[in-house]
Amino acid sequence: MAAGALSRPFTTISSLSHSNTPTSRPPPPPPPPFLNFRTAHYHNLRYLKSLHLLDSRSTKFRSPDAVHSILTTVHFLKSKGFSDSDFPTLAFLCPQLFSPDFEPTDIAPVFDFLAADLSASIQESRGMILRCPRLLFSDVELCLRPTLRFLKQIGIENLNTPSNLKSHLLNTRVEKLRGKFRFLQELGFSHEEAAKVCRRMPAIFGYSVEENLRPKYEYLVNEMERDVEELKEFPHYFAFSLERRIAPRHLHLKQRNLRIPLHRMLLWSDQKFYTKWK
């Protein structure tokens, strides 16, 4: 009996304790890295589409490298004061900004020029670029700096104030600006008189000499029989359409043997003009 009892397995306290304790489970393995990558890539695509930088119907520029390149440009522009709402405009007016081959460092000198040479704030620079994104692709030494120097020499001020006119003016080659200036001098304007016209009406730099300015001058002299002195008093004559305003009103007055100053002839509305000079 005792011998039989001794032959039974002897259960220790420690073995009982071990058998009653639940087995601890190891933590689950982390998800494969490619799942995290695919999730991040998906969110990046959605973000770029929300900015209208990717066409949802096209697979072009959707590779991870292309997306990363475009995001780099986006982050660079945002560091210069641009917001998400600005990107659709930039993409529409200047799509090459968001090409995968584009390098943001290529346009960094333009931001430096706007800040240092033009004394434009971050928001002023942003405003000018939104009005003329092609500014970003202008060469600072060959285009922007010579143009700014010329505009300052003739007395045009506040060029850092964002406007369509000033943004496109700054992005104009200085040779074109000088061509308009020389045209005024050829008509008989002195250097200071020509500079005064350009200060009063800088939009004159946007007019073609051969297609706009010269035909209007020749009509003034040959058809209207007026001289350049009247043009000096009212240079805004150049801003009016020859076909739709200048010629019809001149002919209307000529038929009535009337001659009035240029500013009264052109500034009045149609209703006021034709009511006054029936």
Protein backbone atom coordinates (compact mmCIF):
# COMPACT_ATOMS: atom_id res chain seq x y z
CA MET A 1 0.00 0.00 0.00
CA ALA A 2 2.74 2.37 0.96
CA ALA A 3 4.86 1.14 -1.87
CA GLY A 4 1.94 1.67 -4.28
CA ALA A 5 1.42 5.14 -2.95
CA LEU A 6 5.05 5.93 -3.46
CA SER A 7 4.84 4.76 -7.06
CA ARG A 8 2.29 7.50 -7.97
CA PRO A 9 3.63 10.68 -9.56
CA PHE A 10 4.44 13.31 -6.98
CA THR A 11 2.76 16.66 -7.75
CA THR A 12 4.59 19.70 -6.45
CA ILE A 13 3.14 23.09 -5.65
CA SER A 14 5.19 24.67 -8.36
CA SER A 15 3.86 22.34 -11.01
CA LEU A 16 0.28 23.03 -9.95
CA SER A 17 0.89 26.73 -10.08
CA HIS A 18 2.38 26.48 -13.58
CA SER A 19 -0.43 24.37 -14.96
CA ASN A 20 -3.14 26.80 -13.74
CA THR A 21 -1.48 30.00 -15.13
CA PRO A 22 -2.70 31.07 -18.60
CA THR A 23 0.00 31.03 -21.25
CA SER A 24 1.00 34.67 -22.20
CA ARG A 25 0.66 35.49 -25.92
CA PRO A 26 3.38 37.37 -27.82
CA PRO A 27 2.38 40.76 -29.33
CA PRO A 28 1.09 40.63 -32.89
CA PRO A 29 3.73 41.32 -35.56
CA PRO A 30 3.75 44.82 -37.07
CA PRO A 31 2.00 45.19 -40.42
CA PRO A 32 4.23 44.84 -43.43
CA PRO A 33 5.98 48.13 -44.26
CA PHE A 34 4.44 48.26 -47.74
CA LEU A 35 0.98 48.70 -46.22
CA ASN A 36 2.04 51.91 -44.46
CA PHE A 37 3.73 53.09 -47.63
CA ARG A 38 0.66 52.42 -49.74
CA THR A 39 -1.54 54.28 -47.26
CA ALA A 40 0.76 57.34 -47.26
CA HIS A 41 0.97 57.30 -51.05
CA TYR A 42 -2.82 57.12 -51.32
CA HIS A 43 -3.23 60.14 -49.02
CA ASN A 44 -0.61 62.08 -50.98
CA LEU A 45 -2.47 61.40 -54.20
CA ARG A 46 -5.73 62.56 -52.67
CA TYR A 47 -4.07 65.73 -51.38
CA LEU A 48 -2.55 66.61 -54.76
CA LYS A 49 -5.88 65.96 -56.48
CA SER A 50 -7.60 68.28 -53.99
CA LEU A 51 -5.17 71.01 -55.09
CA HIS A 52 -6.00 70.27 -58.76
CA LEU A 53 -2.41 69.28 -59.38
CA LEU A 54 -3.32 65.79 -60.62
CA ASP A 55 -6.01 64.76 -63.06
CA SER A 56 -8.17 62.09 -61.44
CA ARG A 57 -8.72 60.49 -64.85
CA SER A 58 -5.05 60.21 -65.71
CA THR A 59 -2.34 57.97 -64.33
CA LYS A 60 0.37 60.37 -65.46
CA PHE A 61 2.73 61.59 -62.71
CA ARG A 62 1.29 59.11 -60.20
CA SER A 63 4.45 57.14 -59.45
CA PRO A 64 5.80 57.51 -55.90
CA ASP A 65 8.83 59.45 -57.17
CA ALA A 66 6.66 61.82 -59.20
CA VAL A 67 4.30 62.42 -56.29
CA HIS A 68 7.23 63.09 -53.97
CA SER A 69 8.68 65.59 -56.46
CA ILE A 70 5.40 67.50 -56.78
CA LEU A 71 4.93 67.52 -53.01
CA THR A 72 8.41 69.01 -52.64
CA THR A 73 7.36 71.91 -54.86
CA VAL A 74 4.12 72.33 -52.93
CA HIS A 75 5.96 72.47 -49.59
CA PHE A 76 8.47 74.95 -51.01
CA LEU A 77 5.74 77.30 -52.23
CA LYS A 78 3.86 77.00 -48.95
CA SER A 79 7.05 78.07 -47.16
CA LYS A 80 6.87 81.23 -49.32
CA GLY A 81 3.38 82.16 -48.14
CA PHE A 82 1.14 80.30 -50.60
CA SER A 83 -1.93 78.50 -49.28
CA ASP A 84 -3.84 75.47 -50.54
CA SER A 85 -6.38 77.72 -52.25
CA ASP A 86 -3.62 79.27 -54.41
CA PHE A 87 -2.50 76.05 -56.09
CA PRO A 88 -5.40 75.62 -58.56
CA THR A 89 -4.59 79.07 -59.95
CA LEU A 90 -0.89 78.30 -60.21
CA ALA A 91 -1.57 74.94 -61.83
CA PHE A 92 -3.90 76.49 -64.41
CA LEU A 93 -1.65 79.42 -65.33
CA CYS A 94 1.71 77.70 -65.01
CA PRO A 95 1.36 73.88 -65.07
CA GLN A 96 5.09 73.30 -65.57
CA LEU A 97 5.57 74.26 -61.93
CA PHE A 98 4.16 70.88 -61.00
CA SER A 99 6.02 68.69 -63.43
CA PRO A 100 7.92 65.84 -61.73
CA ASP A 101 11.08 67.17 -63.41
CA PHE A 102 10.72 70.63 -61.89
CA GLU A 103 13.27 71.70 -59.26
CA PRO A 104 12.06 74.30 -56.71
CA THR A 105 15.63 75.53 -56.30
CA ASP A 106 15.39 76.93 -59.85
CA ILE A 107 12.89 79.59 -58.73
CA ALA A 108 14.46 80.43 -55.39
CA PRO A 109 16.47 83.36 -56.91
CA VAL A 110 13.21 85.04 -57.97
CA PHE A 111 11.93 85.04 -54.38
CA ASP A 112 15.29 86.44 -53.26
CA PHE A 113 15.02 89.20 -55.88
CA LEU A 114 11.49 90.14 -54.86
CA ALA A 115 12.49 90.35 -51.21
CA ALA A 116 15.86 92.09 -51.60
CA ASP A 117 15.64 94.22 -54.76
CA LEU A 118 11.93 94.97 -54.79
CA SER A 119 11.54 95.10 -50.98
CA ALA A 120 8.40 93.01 -51.27
CA SER A 121 6.99 91.24 -48.24
CA ILE A 122 6.10 87.55 -48.36
CA GLN A 123 2.46 88.37 -49.05
CA GLU A 124 3.34 91.03 -51.66
CA SER A 125 5.58 88.53 -53.45
CA ARG A 126 2.79 85.96 -53.33
CA GLY A 127 0.32 88.49 -54.75
CA MET A 128 2.61 89.43 -57.64
CA ILE A 129 3.30 85.80 -58.56
CA LEU A 130 -0.38 84.85 -58.46
CA ARG A 131 -1.05 87.66 -60.94
CA CYS A 132 1.86 86.65 -63.17
CA PRO A 133 3.25 83.15 -62.39
CA ARG A 134 5.63 83.50 -65.35
CA LEU A 135 7.66 85.74 -63.08
CA LEU A 136 9.01 82.57 -61.51
CA PHE A 137 10.68 81.60 -64.78
CA SER A 138 12.28 84.98 -65.49
CA ASP A 139 16.03 85.26 -65.28
CA VAL A 140 16.96 87.65 -62.49
CA GLU A 141 20.13 89.01 -64.09
CA LEU A 142 18.93 89.14 -67.70
CA CYS A 143 15.32 90.24 -67.21
CA LEU A 144 14.09 91.20 -63.76
CA ARG A 145 16.94 93.33 -62.48
CA PRO A 146 17.48 95.42 -65.66
CA THR A 147 13.73 95.99 -65.98
CA LEU A 148 13.43 97.10 -62.36
CA ARG A 149 16.38 99.46 -62.79
CA PHE A 150 14.80 101.09 -65.86
CA LEU A 151 11.38 101.48 -64.23
CA LYS A 152 12.96 103.14 -61.20
CA GLN A 153 15.00 105.47 -63.43
CA ILE A 154 11.87 106.88 -65.07
CA GLY A 155 10.19 107.29 -61.69
CA ILE A 156 7.63 104.50 -61.47
CA GLU A 157 7.09 103.81 -57.78
CA ASN A 158 5.50 101.22 -55.49
CA LEU A 159 6.36 98.36 -57.82
CA ASN A 160 6.09 95.96 -54.88
CA THR A 161 2.35 96.63 -54.62
CA PRO A 162 0.64 93.62 -56.23
CA SER A 163 -1.37 94.36 -59.38
CA ASN A 164 -1.76 92.75 -62.77
CA LEU A 165 -0.12 95.72 -64.45
CA LYS A 166 2.94 95.87 -62.20
CA SER A 167 3.47 92.13 -62.16
CA HIS A 168 3.44 91.88 -65.95
CA LEU A 169 5.44 95.09 -66.27
CA LEU A 170 8.20 93.65 -64.10
CA ASN A 171 8.19 90.52 -66.24
CA THR A 172 8.75 92.50 -69.46
CA ARG A 173 12.18 92.62 -71.06
CA VAL A 174 13.77 96.03 -70.70
CA GLU A 175 14.36 96.24 -74.47
CA LYS A 176 10.59 96.28 -75.06
CA LEU A 177 10.09 99.01 -72.47
CA ARG A 178 12.79 101.14 -74.02
CA GLY A 179 11.19 100.69 -77.43
CA LYS A 180 7.96 102.31 -76.23
CA PHE A 181 9.94 105.06 -74.53
CA ARG A 182 11.91 105.80 -77.71
CA PHE A 183 8.67 105.93 -79.71
CA LEU A 184 7.39 108.77 -77.51
CA GLN A 185 10.66 110.61 -77.99
CA GLU A 186 10.38 110.16 -81.76
CA LEU A 187 7.01 111.90 -81.63
CA GLY A 188 8.62 114.95 -80.01
CA PHE A 189 8.43 114.16 -76.30
CA SER A 190 11.48 115.12 -74.29
CA HIS A 191 13.04 112.53 -72.00
CA GLU A 192 11.24 113.98 -68.99
CA GLU A 193 7.96 114.34 -70.87
CA ALA A 194 8.14 110.71 -71.99
CA ALA A 195 8.97 109.62 -68.43
CA LYS A 196 5.99 111.63 -67.13
CA VAL A 197 3.67 109.87 -69.59
CA CYS A 198 4.97 106.48 -68.47
CA ARG A 199 4.48 107.39 -64.82
CA ARG A 200 0.94 108.62 -65.42
CA MET A 201 0.03 105.73 -67.71
CA PRO A 202 2.38 102.75 -67.26
CA ALA A 203 -0.10 100.65 -69.23
CA ILE A 204 1.43 102.24 -72.34
CA PHE A 205 4.23 99.70 -72.04
CA GLY A 206 1.74 96.96 -72.84
CA TYR A 207 0.71 98.48 -76.20
CA SER A 208 2.29 97.46 -79.49
CA VAL A 209 4.00 100.34 -81.27
CA GLU A 210 3.13 99.21 -84.78
CA GLU A 211 -0.35 97.81 -84.11
CA ASN A 212 -1.58 100.32 -81.55
CA LEU A 213 0.45 103.43 -80.78
CA ARG A 214 1.59 104.45 -84.26
CA PRO A 215 -1.82 104.05 -85.98
CA LYS A 216 -3.45 106.18 -83.28
CA TYR A 217 -0.78 108.87 -83.60
CA GLU A 218 -1.09 108.96 -87.40
CA TYR A 219 -4.87 109.23 -87.16
CA LEU A 220 -4.48 112.10 -84.68
CA VAL A 221 -2.18 114.04 -87.00
CA ASN A 222 -3.48 113.12 -90.44
CA GLU A 223 -7.23 112.68 -89.94
CA MET A 224 -7.97 114.75 -86.86
CA GLU A 225 -5.40 117.44 -87.79
CA ARG A 226 -4.16 117.80 -84.24
CA ASP A 227 -0.57 118.08 -83.05
CA VAL A 228 1.61 116.38 -80.48
CA GLU A 229 1.08 119.15 -77.93
CA GLU A 230 -2.49 117.96 -77.40
CA LEU A 231 -1.13 114.45 -76.97
CA LYS A 232 1.25 115.69 -74.28
CA GLU A 233 -1.69 117.21 -72.40
CA PHE A 234 -3.80 114.08 -72.75
CA PRO A 235 -1.58 110.99 -73.26
CA HIS A 236 -4.50 108.76 -72.21
CA TYR A 237 -5.62 109.21 -75.83
CA PHE A 238 -3.52 106.09 -76.47
CA ALA A 239 -5.69 104.05 -74.10
CA PHE A 240 -8.85 104.34 -76.21
CA SER A 241 -9.84 102.12 -79.11
CA LEU A 242 -9.26 103.71 -82.48
CA GLU A 243 -12.07 101.79 -84.20
CA ARG A 244 -14.68 101.88 -81.45
CA ARG A 245 -14.12 105.26 -79.81
CA ILE A 246 -11.66 107.66 -81.40
CA ALA A 247 -12.69 107.47 -85.06
CA PRO A 248 -16.50 107.33 -84.56
CA ARG A 249 -16.49 110.34 -82.24
CA HIS A 250 -14.15 112.34 -84.44
CA LEU A 251 -16.35 111.72 -87.49
CA HIS A 252 -19.46 112.62 -85.49
CA LEU A 253 -17.92 115.97 -84.51
CA LYS A 254 -16.52 116.60 -88.00
CA GLN A 255 -19.96 116.24 -89.54
CA ARG A 256 -21.14 119.01 -87.22
CA ASN A 257 -18.06 121.21 -87.74
CA LEU A 258 -17.18 120.85 -84.05
CA ARG A 259 -13.79 120.63 -82.42
CA ILE A 260 -13.43 119.97 -78.69
CA PRO A 261 -10.47 119.02 -76.45
CA LEU A 262 -9.38 115.40 -76.59
CA HIS A 263 -10.30 114.68 -73.01
CA ARG A 264 -13.89 115.87 -73.52
CA MET A 265 -14.13 113.96 -76.75
CA LEU A 266 -13.01 110.63 -75.28
CA LEU A 267 -13.68 110.55 -71.53
CA TRP A 268 -17.41 111.11 -71.64
CA SER A 269 -19.75 108.13 -71.83
CA ASP A 270 -21.56 107.46 -75.12
CA GLN A 271 -24.85 108.69 -73.70
CA LYS A 272 -23.37 111.94 -72.43
CA PHE A 273 -21.27 112.54 -75.54
CA TYR A 274 -23.96 111.92 -78.15
CA THR A 275 -26.59 113.74 -76.12
CA LYS A 276 -24.36 116.78 -75.79
CA TRP A 277 -23.22 116.81 -79.42
CA LYS A 278 -26.38 115.88 -81.31
